[in-house]
C-alpha atoms as a PDB file:
ATOM      1  CA  UNK A   1       9.712  13.875 -12.115  1.00  0.00           C
ATOM      2  CA  UNK A   2       8.943  10.593 -10.581  1.00  0.00           C
ATOM      3  CA  UNK A   3      12.331   8.152 -11.109  1.00  0.00           C
ATOM      4  CA  UNK A   4      12.746   4.842  -9.509  1.00  0.00           C
ATOM      5  CA  UNK A   5      15.229   2.400  -9.135  1.00  0.00           C
ATOM      6  CA  UNK A   6      16.586   0.018 -11.863  1.00  0.00           C
ATOM      7  CA  UNK A   7      18.584  -2.975 -10.875  1.00  0.00           C
ATOM      8  CA  UNK A   8      20.863  -2.188 -14.398  1.00  0.00           C
ATOM      9  CA  UNK A   9      21.494   1.240 -14.180  1.00  0.00           C
ATOM     10  CA  UNK A  10      24.122   0.590 -10.946  1.00  0.00           C
ATOM     11  CA  UNK A  11      22.459   2.775  -8.628  1.00  0.00           C
ATOM     12  CA  UNK A  12      21.262   5.092 -10.921  1.00  0.00           C
ATOM     13  CA  UNK A  13      17.506   6.243 -11.099  1.00  0.00           C
ATOM     14  CA  UNK A  14      15.642   5.145 -14.833  1.00  0.00           C
ATOM     15  CA  UNK A  15      12.975   7.721 -15.710  1.00  0.00           C
ATOM     16  CA  UNK A  16       9.386   6.780 -15.659  1.00  0.00           C
ATOM     17  CA  UNK A  17       7.656   7.640 -17.954  1.00  0.00           C
ATOM     18  CA  UNK A  18       4.281   9.769 -17.687  1.00  0.00           C
ATOM     19  CA  UNK A  19       1.954   7.208 -19.523  1.00  0.00           C
ATOM     20  CA  UNK A  20       3.141   4.777 -16.717  1.00  0.00           C
ATOM     21  CA  UNK A  21       2.569   7.206 -14.304  1.00  0.00           C
ATOM     22  CA  UNK A  22      -1.115   7.503 -15.054  1.00  0.00           C
ATOM     23  CA  UNK A  23      -1.463   3.922 -14.863  1.00  0.00           C
ATOM     24  CA  UNK A  24      -0.292   3.586 -11.796  1.00  0.00           C
ATOM     25  CA  UNK A  25      -1.928   7.164 -10.688  1.00  0.00           C
ATOM     26  CA  UNK A  26      -5.122   5.398 -11.588  1.00  0.00           C
ATOM     27  CA  UNK A  27      -4.321   2.102  -9.716  1.00  0.00           C
ATOM     28  CA  UNK A  28      -3.060   4.213  -6.582  1.00  0.00           C
ATOM     29  CA  UNK A  29      -6.253   6.318  -6.529  1.00  0.00           C
ATOM     30  CA  UNK A  30      -4.568   9.859  -7.234  1.00  0.00           C
ATOM     31  CA  UNK A  31      -6.792  11.499  -9.497  1.00  0.00           C
ATOM     32  CA  UNK A  32      -5.255  14.769 -10.383  1.00  0.00           C
ATOM     33  CA  UNK A  33      -2.916  15.445 -12.710  1.00  0.00           C
ATOM     34  CA  UNK A  34       0.272  16.149 -11.822  1.00  0.00           C
ATOM     35  CA  UNK A  35       1.503  18.047 -15.673  1.00  0.00           C
ATOM     36  CA  UNK A  36       0.889  21.757 -16.628  1.00  0.00           C
ATOM     37  CA  UNK A  37      -2.423  22.250 -18.856  1.00  0.00           C
ATOM     38  CA  UNK A  38      -1.487  21.640 -23.049  1.00  0.00           C
ATOM     39  CA  UNK A  39       1.674  19.302 -22.770  1.00  0.00           C
ATOM     40  CA  UNK A  40       2.913  16.803 -23.511  1.00  0.00           C
ATOM     41  CA  UNK A  41       3.488  14.869 -20.514  1.00  0.00           C
ATOM     42  CA  UNK A  42      -0.238  16.228 -19.229  1.00  0.00           C
ATOM     43  CA  UNK A  43      -1.623  14.443 -22.539  1.00  0.00           C
ATOM     44  CA  UNK A  44       1.011  11.399 -21.724  1.00  0.00           C
ATOM     45  CA  UNK A  45      -1.052  10.891 -18.307  1.00  0.00           C
ATOM     46  CA  UNK A  46      -3.685  10.979 -19.050  1.00  0.00           C
ATOM     47  CA  UNK A  47      -3.837   8.807 -21.826  1.00  0.00           C
ATOM     48  CA  UNK A  48      -2.390   5.977 -19.444  1.00  0.00           C
ATOM     49  CA  UNK A  49      -4.849   7.117 -16.962  1.00  0.00           C
ATOM     50  CA  UNK A  50      -7.646   6.865 -19.304  1.00  0.00           C
ATOM     51  CA  UNK A  51      -6.230   3.247 -20.204  1.00  0.00           C
ATOM     52  CA  UNK A  52      -6.096   1.620 -16.994  1.00  0.00           C
ATOM     53  CA  UNK A  53      -9.649   2.722 -16.361  1.00  0.00           C
ATOM     54  CA  UNK A  54     -10.992   1.113 -18.848  1.00  0.00           C
ATOM     55  CA  UNK A  55      -8.729  -2.169 -19.178  1.00  0.00           C
ATOM     56  CA  UNK A  56     -10.752  -2.247 -14.912  1.00  0.00           C
ATOM     57  CA  UNK A  57     -14.325  -1.159 -16.565  1.00  0.00           C
ATOM     58  CA  UNK A  58     -13.803  -3.653 -19.409  1.00  0.00           C
ATOM     59  CA  UNK A  59     -12.495  -6.457 -16.216  1.00  0.00           C
ATOM     60  CA  UNK A  60     -15.711  -5.296 -14.024  1.00  0.00           C
ATOM     61  CA  UNK A  61     -18.486  -6.149 -17.356  1.00  0.00           C
ATOM     62  CA  UNK A  62     -17.278  -8.857 -17.838  1.00  0.00           C
ATOM     63  CA  UNK A  63     -17.004  -9.959 -13.899  1.00  0.00           C
ATOM     64  CA  UNK A  64     -20.327  -9.097 -13.325  1.00  0.00           C
ATOM     65  CA  UNK A  65     -21.991 -11.468 -16.737  1.00  0.00           C
ATOM     66  CA  UNK A  66     -20.140 -13.815 -15.664  1.00  0.00           C
ATOM     67  CA  UNK A  67     -21.043 -13.387 -12.529  1.00  0.00           C
ATOM     68  CA  UNK A  68     -18.183 -14.585 -11.035  1.00  0.00           C
ATOM     69  CA  UNK A  69     -18.315 -11.564  -8.280  1.00  0.00           C
ATOM     70  CA  UNK A  70     -21.216 -11.410  -5.603  1.00  0.00           C
ATOM     71  CA  UNK A  71     -22.936 -14.869  -6.105  1.00  0.00           C
ATOM     72  CA  UNK A  72     -23.108 -15.311  -2.075  1.00  0.00           C
ATOM     73  CA  UNK A  73     -24.175 -12.307  -0.967  1.00  0.00           C
ATOM     74  CA  UNK A  74     -27.656 -12.612  -3.533  1.00  0.00           C
ATOM     75  CA  UNK A  75     -27.651 -16.202  -2.499  1.00  0.00           C
ATOM     76  CA  UNK A  76     -27.725 -15.590   1.661  1.00  0.00           C
ATOM     77  CA  UNK A  77     -31.432 -14.917   2.458  1.00  0.00           C
ATOM     78  CA  UNK A  78     -31.981 -11.754   4.334  1.00  0.00           C
ATOM     79  CA  UNK A  79     -34.795 -11.068   6.917  1.00  0.00           C
ATOM     80  CA  UNK A  80     -36.845  -9.721   4.652  1.00  0.00           C
ATOM     81  CA  UNK A  81     -37.126 -12.375   1.952  1.00  0.00           C
ATOM     82  CA  UNK A  82     -39.946 -14.971   2.210  1.00  0.00           C
END
């Protein structure tokens, strides 16, 4: 179980949900689910991980569509281009 410090708890540690752990796991690159298979916390962790993945995928596709990223790379001429 993962805990984080909560300022309102006066020194006690507040419990972080498995959903939030899945989101932070995706953001940090932790790909393995720490909970036992077929448990509620396992499914919740997976849901958070997948939610973060698909939000990131949507953002990447939007950036590719609008051309916000990579303009400098594609505009530069290489030694092989004419």
